[in-house]
């Protein structure tokens, strides 16, 4: 199954963080915070302005982005977890 976001929405997959902190302490899965970095899997066509003109998105497929901890809606497709969120929920593009 393929998912194509609509409008100014993007489909991202959270990037897993390493489970070991600097002091060598291993953090169990139940105590981990949600990762804030994600990879853009698919993007929608863009947002329309008041005149009906299509404004393309700034992020593109393959970008690594910073997102809020609780941003977007979680969806599961083919046993993989993704987030669908609006472009305005993206905090920054990591380069």
PDB file of N, CA and C in Angstrom:
ATOM      1  N   UNK A   1       0.841  -1.170   0.000  1.00  0.00           N
ATOM      2  CA  UNK A   1       0.000   0.000   0.000  1.00  0.00           C
ATOM      3  C   UNK A   1       0.889   1.237   0.000  1.00  0.00           C
ATOM      4  N   UNK A   2       0.513   2.229  -0.787  1.00  0.00           N
ATOM      5  CA  UNK A   2       1.258   3.480  -0.854  1.00  0.00           C
ATOM      6  C   UNK A   2       0.393   4.604  -0.305  1.00  0.00           C
ATOM      7  N   UNK A   3       0.984   5.492   0.457  1.00  0.00           N
ATOM      8  CA  UNK A   3       0.263   6.610   1.068  1.00  0.00           C
ATOM      9  C   UNK A   3       0.743   7.908   0.428  1.00  0.00           C
ATOM     10  N   UNK A   4      -0.182   8.703  -0.079  1.00  0.00           N
ATOM     11  CA  UNK A   4       0.127  10.008  -0.661  1.00  0.00           C
ATOM     12  C   UNK A   4      -0.607  11.069   0.145  1.00  0.00           C
ATOM     13  N   UNK A   5       0.116  11.901   0.910  1.00  0.00           N
ATOM     14  CA  UNK A   5      -0.536  12.957   1.701  1.00  0.00           C
ATOM     15  C   UNK A   5      -1.225  13.984   0.807  1.00  0.00           C
ATOM     16  N   UNK A   6      -2.263  14.602   1.336  1.00  0.00           N
ATOM     17  CA  UNK A   6      -3.004  15.626   0.611  1.00  0.00           C
ATOM     18  C   UNK A   6      -2.623  17.013   1.110  1.00  0.00           C
ATOM     19  N   UNK A   7      -2.789  18.004   0.254  1.00  0.00           N
ATOM     20  CA  UNK A   7      -2.558  19.397   0.638  1.00  0.00           C
ATOM     21  C   UNK A   7      -1.139  19.646   1.117  1.00  0.00           C
ATOM     22  N   UNK A   8      -1.020  20.333   2.259  1.00  0.00           N
ATOM     23  CA  UNK A   8       0.300  20.693   2.789  1.00  0.00           C
ATOM     24  C   UNK A   8       0.768  19.698   3.847  1.00  0.00           C
ATOM     25  N   UNK A   9       0.308  18.469   3.771  1.00  0.00           N
ATOM     26  CA  UNK A   9       0.706  17.443   4.738  1.00  0.00           C
ATOM     27  C   UNK A   9       1.894  16.649   4.213  1.00  0.00           C
ATOM     28  N   UNK A  10       2.673  16.122   5.172  1.00  0.00           N
ATOM     29  CA  UNK A  10       3.823  15.290   4.819  1.00  0.00           C
ATOM     30  C   UNK A  10       3.780  14.008   5.643  1.00  0.00           C
ATOM     31  N   UNK A  11       4.336  12.947   5.090  1.00  0.00           N
ATOM     32  CA  UNK A  11       4.438  11.655   5.761  1.00  0.00           C
ATOM     33  C   UNK A  11       5.885  11.484   6.182  1.00  0.00           C
ATOM     34  N   UNK A  12       6.119  11.288   7.486  1.00  0.00           N
ATOM     35  CA  UNK A  12       7.487  11.140   7.997  1.00  0.00           C
ATOM     36  C   UNK A  12       7.583   9.882   8.840  1.00  0.00           C
ATOM     37  N   UNK A  13       8.809   9.412   8.993  1.00  0.00           N
ATOM     38  CA  UNK A  13       9.096   8.288   9.873  1.00  0.00           C
ATOM     39  C   UNK A  13      10.138   8.758  10.876  1.00  0.00           C
ATOM     40  N   UNK A  14       9.816   8.589  12.162  1.00  0.00           N
ATOM     41  CA  UNK A  14      10.753   9.010  13.210  1.00  0.00           C
ATOM     42  C   UNK A  14      12.045   8.221  13.114  1.00  0.00           C
ATOM     43  N   UNK A  15      13.166   8.897  13.338  1.00  0.00           N
ATOM     44  CA  UNK A  15      14.468   8.240  13.344  1.00  0.00           C
ATOM     45  C   UNK A  15      14.763   7.790  14.767  1.00  0.00           C
ATOM     46  N   UNK A  16      15.135   6.548  14.926  1.00  0.00           N
ATOM     47  CA  UNK A  16      15.406   5.999  16.253  1.00  0.00           C
ATOM     48  C   UNK A  16      16.700   6.585  16.801  1.00  0.00           C
ATOM     49  N   UNK A  17      16.661   6.936  18.085  1.00  0.00           N
ATOM     50  CA  UNK A  17      17.854   7.443  18.747  1.00  0.00           C
ATOM     51  C   UNK A  17      18.563   6.292  19.437  1.00  0.00           C
ATOM     52  N   UNK A  18      19.835   6.462  19.673  1.00  0.00           N
ATOM     53  CA  UNK A  18      20.635   5.460  20.366  1.00  0.00           C
ATOM     54  C   UNK A  18      20.140   5.321  21.801  1.00  0.00           C
ATOM     55  N   UNK A  19      20.069   4.101  22.308  1.00  0.00           N
ATOM     56  CA  UNK A  19      19.544   3.843  23.644  1.00  0.00           C
ATOM     57  C   UNK A  19      20.555   4.003  24.755  1.00  0.00           C
ATOM     58  N   UNK A  20      21.780   4.453  24.442  1.00  0.00           N
ATOM     59  CA  UNK A  20      22.817   4.606  25.466  1.00  0.00           C
ATOM     60  C   UNK A  20      23.181   6.085  25.581  1.00  0.00           C
ATOM     61  N   UNK A  21      23.186   6.603  26.790  1.00  0.00           N
ATOM     62  CA  UNK A  21      23.565   7.992  27.029  1.00  0.00           C
ATOM     63  C   UNK A  21      25.078   8.096  27.222  1.00  0.00           C
ATOM     64  N   UNK A  22      25.596   9.323  27.393  1.00  0.00           N
ATOM     65  CA  UNK A  22      27.039   9.564  27.468  1.00  0.00           C
ATOM     66  C   UNK A  22      27.723   8.802  28.592  1.00  0.00           C
ATOM     67  N   UNK A  23      27.093   8.637  29.723  1.00  0.00           N
ATOM     68  CA  UNK A  23      27.706   7.951  30.860  1.00  0.00           C
ATOM     69  C   UNK A  23      27.664   6.441  30.745  1.00  0.00           C
ATOM     70  N   UNK A  24      27.140   5.913  29.629  1.00  0.00           N
ATOM     71  CA  UNK A  24      27.036   4.480  29.448  1.00  0.00           C
ATOM     72  C   UNK A  24      25.756   3.911  30.034  1.00  0.00           C
ATOM     73  N   UNK A  25      24.841   4.792  30.450  1.00  0.00           N
ATOM     74  CA  UNK A  25      23.574   4.349  31.021  1.00  0.00           C
ATOM     75  C   UNK A  25      22.646   3.936  29.886  1.00  0.00           C
ATOM     76  N   UNK A  26      22.059   2.768  30.014  1.00  0.00           N
ATOM     77  CA  UNK A  26      21.118   2.284  29.008  1.00  0.00           C
ATOM     78  C   UNK A  26      19.706   2.658  29.447  1.00  0.00           C
ATOM     79  N   UNK A  27      18.986   3.313  28.558  1.00  0.00           N
ATOM     80  CA  UNK A  27      17.631   3.773  28.853  1.00  0.00           C
ATOM     81  C   UNK A  27      16.637   2.742  28.313  1.00  0.00           C
ATOM     82  N   UNK A  28      15.744   2.208  29.162  1.00  0.00           N
ATOM     83  CA  UNK A  28      14.751   1.254  28.666  1.00  0.00           C
ATOM     84  C   UNK A  28      13.738   1.921  27.741  1.00  0.00           C
ATOM     85  N   UNK A  29      13.099   1.125  26.873  1.00  0.00           N
ATOM     86  CA  UNK A  29      12.141   1.652  25.911  1.00  0.00           C
ATOM     87  C   UNK A  29      11.007   2.425  26.563  1.00  0.00           C
ATOM     88  N   UNK A  30      10.570   2.007  27.724  1.00  0.00           N
ATOM     89  CA  UNK A  30       9.437   2.665  28.381  1.00  0.00           C
ATOM     90  C   UNK A  30       9.784   4.055  28.889  1.00  0.00           C
ATOM     91  N   UNK A  31      11.066   4.354  29.101  1.00  0.00           N
ATOM     92  CA  UNK A  31      11.477   5.656  29.631  1.00  0.00           C
ATOM     93  C   UNK A  31      11.986   6.602  28.553  1.00  0.00           C
ATOM     94  N   UNK A  32      12.090   6.135  27.317  1.00  0.00           N
ATOM     95  CA  UNK A  32      12.607   6.974  26.239  1.00  0.00           C
ATOM     96  C   UNK A  32      11.584   8.012  25.816  1.00  0.00           C
ATOM     97  N   UNK A  33      12.096   9.179  25.450  1.00  0.00           N
ATOM     98  CA  UNK A  33      11.237  10.210  24.877  1.00  0.00           C
ATOM     99  C   UNK A  33      11.106   9.945  23.389  1.00  0.00           C
ATOM    100  N   UNK A  34      10.055  10.482  22.795  1.00  0.00           N
ATOM    101  CA  UNK A  34       9.861  10.318  21.360  1.00  0.00           C
ATOM    102  C   UNK A  34      10.959  11.082  20.628  1.00  0.00           C
ATOM    103  N   UNK A  35      11.551  10.478  19.594  1.00  0.00           N
ATOM    104  CA  UNK A  35      12.599  11.187  18.847  1.00  0.00           C
ATOM    105  C   UNK A  35      12.034  12.415  18.131  1.00  0.00           C
ATOM    106  N   UNK A  36      12.861  13.433  18.034  1.00  0.00           N
ATOM    107  CA  UNK A  36      12.419  14.668  17.398  1.00  0.00           C
ATOM    108  C   UNK A  36      12.901  14.775  15.959  1.00  0.00           C
ATOM    109  N   UNK A  37      13.748  13.849  15.522  1.00  0.00           N
ATOM    110  CA  UNK A  37      14.196  13.848  14.134  1.00  0.00           C
ATOM    111  C   UNK A  37      13.393  12.820  13.349  1.00  0.00           C
ATOM    112  N   UNK A  38      13.076  13.184  12.115  1.00  0.00           N
ATOM    113  CA  UNK A  38      12.304  12.286  11.270  1.00  0.00           C
ATOM    114  C   UNK A  38      12.760  12.433   9.826  1.00  0.00           C
ATOM    115  N   UNK A  39      12.534  11.372   9.055  1.00  0.00           N
ATOM    116  CA  UNK A  39      12.860  11.397   7.635  1.00  0.00           C
ATOM    117  C   UNK A  39      11.560  11.549   6.855  1.00  0.00           C
ATOM    118  N   UNK A  40      11.560  12.460   5.881  1.00  0.00           N
ATOM    119  CA  UNK A  40      10.370  12.700   5.062  1.00  0.00           C
ATOM    120  C   UNK A  40      10.264  11.562   4.040  1.00  0.00           C
ATOM    121  N   UNK A  41       9.140  10.850   4.089  1.00  0.00           N
ATOM    122  CA  UNK A  41       8.900   9.724   3.193  1.00  0.00           C
ATOM    123  C   UNK A  41       8.139  10.164   1.948  1.00  0.00           C
ATOM    124  N   UNK A  42       7.128  11.014   2.138  1.00  0.00           N
ATOM    125  CA  UNK A  42       6.292  11.475   1.027  1.00  0.00           C
ATOM    126  C   UNK A  42       5.738  12.846   1.366  1.00  0.00           C
ATOM    127  N   UNK A  43       5.504  13.678   0.352  1.00  0.00           N
ATOM    128  CA  UNK A  43       4.951  15.018   0.565  1.00  0.00           C
ATOM    129  C   UNK A  43       3.715  15.213  -0.297  1.00  0.00           C
ATOM    130  N   UNK A  44       2.816  16.062   0.188  1.00  0.00           N
ATOM    131  CA  UNK A  44       1.630  16.412  -0.584  1.00  0.00           C
ATOM    132  C   UNK A  44       1.973  17.447  -1.644  1.00  0.00           C
ATOM    133  N   UNK A  45       1.005  17.815  -2.473  1.00  0.00           N
ATOM    134  CA  UNK A  45       1.272  18.760  -3.570  1.00  0.00           C
ATOM    135  C   UNK A  45       1.513  20.189  -3.106  1.00  0.00           C
ATOM    136  N   UNK A  46       0.987  20.584  -1.964  1.00  0.00           N
ATOM    137  CA  UNK A  46       1.170  21.950  -1.468  1.00  0.00           C
ATOM    138  C   UNK A  46      -0.141  22.541  -1.006  1.00  0.00           C
ATOM    139  N   UNK A  47      -0.066  23.781  -0.589  1.00  0.00           N
ATOM    140  CA  UNK A  47      -1.233  24.484  -0.055  1.00  0.00           C
ATOM    141  C   UNK A  47      -1.715  25.506  -1.081  1.00  0.00           C
ATOM    142  N   UNK A  48      -3.009  25.718  -1.133  1.00  0.00           N
ATOM    143  CA  UNK A  48      -3.567  26.725  -2.041  1.00  0.00           C
ATOM    144  C   UNK A  48      -3.798  28.024  -1.277  1.00  0.00           C
ATOM    145  N   UNK A  49      -3.449  29.152  -1.921  1.00  0.00           N
ATOM    146  CA  UNK A  49      -3.695  30.450  -1.294  1.00  0.00           C
ATOM    147  C   UNK A  49      -5.123  30.907  -1.598  1.00  0.00           C
ATOM    148  N   UNK A  50      -5.464  32.110  -1.204  1.00  0.00           N
ATOM    149  CA  UNK A  50      -6.827  32.624  -1.379  1.00  0.00           C
ATOM    150  C   UNK A  50      -7.240  32.735  -2.843  1.00  0.00           C
ATOM    151  N   UNK A  51      -6.261  32.914  -3.734  1.00  0.00           N
ATOM    152  CA  UNK A  51      -6.546  33.025  -5.168  1.00  0.00           C
ATOM    153  C   UNK A  51      -6.627  31.666  -5.853  1.00  0.00           C
ATOM    154  N   UNK A  52      -6.364  30.594  -5.105  1.00  0.00           N
ATOM    155  CA  UNK A  52      -6.400  29.248  -5.684  1.00  0.00           C
ATOM    156  C   UNK A  52      -5.071  28.802  -6.264  1.00  0.00           C
ATOM    157  N   UNK A  53      -4.043  29.640  -6.134  1.00  0.00           N
ATOM    158  CA  UNK A  53      -2.718  29.292  -6.661  1.00  0.00           C
ATOM    159  C   UNK A  53      -2.051  28.286  -5.717  1.00  0.00           C
ATOM    160  N   UNK A  54      -1.444  27.263  -6.286  1.00  0.00           N
ATOM    161  CA  UNK A  54      -0.771  26.226  -5.504  1.00  0.00           C
ATOM    162  C   UNK A  54       0.601  26.710  -5.042  1.00  0.00           C
ATOM    163  N   UNK A  55       0.836  26.639  -3.723  1.00  0.00           N
ATOM    164  CA  UNK A  55       2.127  27.016  -3.149  1.00  0.00           C
ATOM    165  C   UNK A  55       2.838  25.719  -2.779  1.00  0.00           C
ATOM    166  N   UNK A  56       3.935  25.372  -3.477  1.00  0.00           N
ATOM    167  CA  UNK A  56       4.619  24.111  -3.191  1.00  0.00           C
ATOM    168  C   UNK A  56       5.265  24.106  -1.811  1.00  0.00           C
ATOM    169  N   UNK A  57       5.484  22.908  -1.272  1.00  0.00           N
ATOM    170  CA  UNK A  57       6.099  22.758   0.042  1.00  0.00           C
ATOM    171  C   UNK A  57       7.596  23.014  -0.023  1.00  0.00           C
ATOM    172  N   UNK A  58       8.153  23.476   1.100  1.00  0.00           N
ATOM    173  CA  UNK A  58       9.593  23.712   1.173  1.00  0.00           C
ATOM    174  C   UNK A  58      10.370  22.436   1.441  1.00  0.00           C
ATOM    175  N   UNK A  59       9.769  21.500   2.183  1.00  0.00           N
ATOM    176  CA  UNK A  59      10.442  20.228   2.445  1.00  0.00           C
ATOM    177  C   UNK A  59      10.210  19.297   1.274  1.00  0.00           C
ATOM    178  N   UNK A  60      11.141  18.376   1.078  1.00  0.00           N
ATOM    179  CA  UNK A  60      11.009  17.430  -0.026  1.00  0.00           C
ATOM    180  C   UNK A  60      11.311  16.022   0.462  1.00  0.00           C
ATOM    181  N   UNK A  61      10.935  15.079  -0.330  1.00  0.00           N
ATOM    182  CA  UNK A  61      11.135  13.674  -0.011  1.00  0.00           C
ATOM    183  C   UNK A  61      12.619  13.403   0.239  1.00  0.00           C
ATOM    184  N   UNK A  62      12.921  12.710   1.334  1.00  0.00           N
ATOM    185  CA  UNK A  62      14.300  12.385   1.669  1.00  0.00           C
ATOM    186  C   UNK A  62      14.937  13.331   2.675  1.00  0.00           C
ATOM    187  N   UNK A  63      14.326  14.494   2.934  1.00  0.00           N
ATOM    188  CA  UNK A  63      14.860  15.442   3.920  1.00  0.00           C
ATOM    189  C   UNK A  63      14.796  14.855   5.329  1.00  0.00           C
ATOM    190  N   UNK A  64      15.742  15.253   6.167  1.00  0.00           N
ATOM    191  CA  UNK A  64      15.684  14.956   7.597  1.00  0.00           C
ATOM    192  C   UNK A  64      15.225  16.233   8.289  1.00  0.00           C
ATOM    193  N   UNK A  65      14.171  16.118   9.086  1.00  0.00           N
ATOM    194  CA  UNK A  65      13.556  17.297   9.694  1.00  0.00           C
ATOM    195  C   UNK A  65      13.463  17.143  11.206  1.00  0.00           C
ATOM    196  N   UNK A  66      13.342  18.281  11.892  1.00  0.00           N
ATOM    197  CA  UNK A  66      13.059  18.305  13.323  1.00  0.00           C
ATOM    198  C   UNK A  66      11.577  18.590  13.502  1.00  0.00           C
ATOM    199  N   UNK A  67      10.924  17.786  14.340  1.00  0.00           N
ATOM    200  CA  UNK A  67       9.497  17.961  14.588  1.00  0.00           C
ATOM    201  C   UNK A  67       9.258  18.019  16.087  1.00  0.00           C
ATOM    202  N   UNK A  68       8.099  18.513  16.476  1.00  0.00           N
ATOM    203  CA  UNK A  68       7.728  18.535  17.887  1.00  0.00           C
ATOM    204  C   UNK A  68       7.484  17.129  18.398  1.00  0.00           C
ATOM    205  N   UNK A  69       7.645  16.929  19.707  1.00  0.00           N
ATOM    206  CA  UNK A  69       7.486  15.599  20.296  1.00  0.00           C
ATOM    207  C   UNK A  69       6.111  15.017  20.065  1.00  0.00           C
ATOM    208  N   UNK A  70       5.096  15.849  20.094  1.00  0.00           N
ATOM    209  CA  UNK A  70       3.728  15.351  19.993  1.00  0.00           C
ATOM    210  C   UNK A  70       3.029  15.846  18.728  1.00  0.00           C
ATOM    211  N   UNK A  71       3.794  16.193  17.707  1.00  0.00           N
ATOM    212  CA  UNK A  71       3.229  16.712  16.468  1.00  0.00           C
ATOM    213  C   UNK A  71       2.655  15.578  15.622  1.00  0.00           C
ATOM    214  N   UNK A  72       1.639  15.889  14.852  1.00  0.00           N
ATOM    215  CA  UNK A  72       1.112  14.969  13.860  1.00  0.00           C
ATOM    216  C   UNK A  72       0.221  13.871  14.395  1.00  0.00           C
ATOM    217  N   UNK A  73      -0.230  13.042  13.477  1.00  0.00           N
ATOM    218  CA  UNK A  73      -1.078  11.894  13.774  1.00  0.00           C
ATOM    219  C   UNK A  73      -0.335  10.622  13.399  1.00  0.00           C
ATOM    220  N   UNK A  74      -0.276   9.680  14.326  1.00  0.00           N
ATOM    221  CA  UNK A  74       0.420   8.425  14.072  1.00  0.00           C
ATOM    222  C   UNK A  74      -0.461   7.497  13.254  1.00  0.00           C
ATOM    223  N   UNK A  75       0.143   6.882  12.234  1.00  0.00           N
ATOM    224  CA  UNK A  75      -0.548   5.893  11.407  1.00  0.00           C
ATOM    225  C   UNK A  75       0.382   4.694  11.228  1.00  0.00           C
ATOM    226  N   UNK A  76      -0.216   3.525  11.023  1.00  0.00           N
ATOM    227  CA  UNK A  76       0.557   2.311  10.764  1.00  0.00           C
ATOM    228  C   UNK A  76       0.195   1.802   9.379  1.00  0.00           C
ATOM    229  N   UNK A  77       1.210   1.631   8.537  1.00  0.00           N
ATOM    230  CA  UNK A  77       1.026   1.127   7.187  1.00  0.00           C
ATOM    231  C   UNK A  77       2.023  -0.002   6.979  1.00  0.00           C
ATOM    232  N   UNK A  78       1.528  -1.179   6.611  1.00  0.00           N
ATOM    233  CA  UNK A  78       2.384  -2.349   6.392  1.00  0.00           C
ATOM    234  C   UNK A  78       3.286  -2.619   7.588  1.00  0.00           C
ATOM    235  N   UNK A  79       2.728  -2.534   8.789  1.00  0.00           N
ATOM    236  CA  UNK A  79       3.433  -2.801  10.048  1.00  0.00           C
ATOM    237  C   UNK A  79       4.566  -1.819  10.339  1.00  0.00           C
ATOM    238  N   UNK A  80       4.574  -0.674   9.692  1.00  0.00           N
ATOM    239  CA  UNK A  80       5.553   0.377   9.989  1.00  0.00           C
ATOM    240  C   UNK A  80       4.796   1.591  10.514  1.00  0.00           C
ATOM    241  N   UNK A  81       5.389   2.267  11.503  1.00  0.00           N
ATOM    242  CA  UNK A  81       4.743   3.441  12.082  1.00  0.00           C
ATOM    243  C   UNK A  81       5.249   4.719  11.417  1.00  0.00           C
ATOM    244  N   UNK A  82       4.307   5.584  11.055  1.00  0.00           N
ATOM    245  CA  UNK A  82       4.598   6.852  10.416  1.00  0.00           C
ATOM    246  C   UNK A  82       3.825   7.958  11.126  1.00  0.00           C
ATOM    247  N   UNK A  83       4.154   9.184  10.787  1.00  0.00           N
ATOM    248  CA  UNK A  83       3.409  10.357  11.241  1.00  0.00           C
ATOM    249  C   UNK A  83       2.954  11.139  10.015  1.00  0.00           C
ATOM    250  N   UNK A  84       1.734  11.626  10.065  1.00  0.00           N
ATOM    251  CA  UNK A  84       1.267  12.565   9.047  1.00  0.00           C
ATOM    252  C   UNK A  84       1.096  13.899   9.753  1.00  0.00           C
ATOM    253  N   UNK A  85       1.778  14.917   9.244  1.00  0.00           N
ATOM    254  CA  UNK A  85       1.697  16.235   9.859  1.00  0.00           C
ATOM    255  C   UNK A  85       1.724  17.315   8.805  1.00  0.00           C
ATOM    256  N   UNK A  86       1.310  18.491   9.211  1.00  0.00           N
ATOM    257  CA  UNK A  86       1.349  19.636   8.294  1.00  0.00           C
ATOM    258  C   UNK A  86       2.763  20.191   8.225  1.00  0.00           C
ATOM    259  N   UNK A  87       3.058  20.849   7.128  1.00  0.00           N
ATOM    260  CA  UNK A  87       4.395  21.432   6.967  1.00  0.00           C
ATOM    261  C   UNK A  87       4.685  22.440   8.073  1.00  0.00           C
ATOM    262  N   UNK A  88       3.676  23.131   8.563  1.00  0.00           N
ATOM    263  CA  UNK A  88       3.891  24.123   9.621  1.00  0.00           C
ATOM    264  C   UNK A  88       4.322  23.482  10.933  1.00  0.00           C
ATOM    265  N   UNK A  89       4.128  22.158  11.099  1.00  0.00           N
ATOM    266  CA  UNK A  89       4.581  21.456  12.315  1.00  0.00           C
ATOM    267  C   UNK A  89       6.069  21.102  12.253  1.00  0.00           C
ATOM    268  N   UNK A  90       6.692  21.275  11.091  1.00  0.00           N
ATOM    269  CA  UNK A  90       8.130  21.029  10.953  1.00  0.00           C
ATOM    270  C   UNK A  90       8.874  22.237  11.507  1.00  0.00           C
ATOM    271  N   UNK A  91       9.788  21.969  12.436  1.00  0.00           N
ATOM    272  CA  UNK A  91      10.546  23.050  13.074  1.00  0.00           C
ATOM    273  C   UNK A  91      11.750  23.481  12.247  1.00  0.00           C
ATOM    274  N   UNK A  92      12.441  22.509  11.614  1.00  0.00           N
ATOM    275  CA  UNK A  92      13.634  22.826  10.822  1.00  0.00           C
ATOM    276  C   UNK A  92      13.998  21.654   9.939  1.00  0.00           C
ATOM    277  N   UNK A  93      14.771  21.939   8.899  1.00  0.00           N
ATOM    278  CA  UNK A  93      15.349  20.905   8.045  1.00  0.00           C
ATOM    279  C   UNK A  93      16.800  20.753   8.451  1.00  0.00           C
ATOM    280  N   UNK A  94      17.230  19.521   8.721  1.00  0.00           N
ATOM    281  CA  UNK A  94      18.602  19.248   9.139  1.00  0.00           C
ATOM    282  C   UNK A  94      19.430  18.953   7.890  1.00  0.00           C
ATOM    283  N   UNK A  95      20.575  19.627   7.768  1.00  0.00           N
ATOM    284  CA  UNK A  95      21.440  19.368   6.603  1.00  0.00           C
ATOM    285  C   UNK A  95      22.801  18.902   7.035  1.00  0.00           C
TER     286      UNK A  95
END
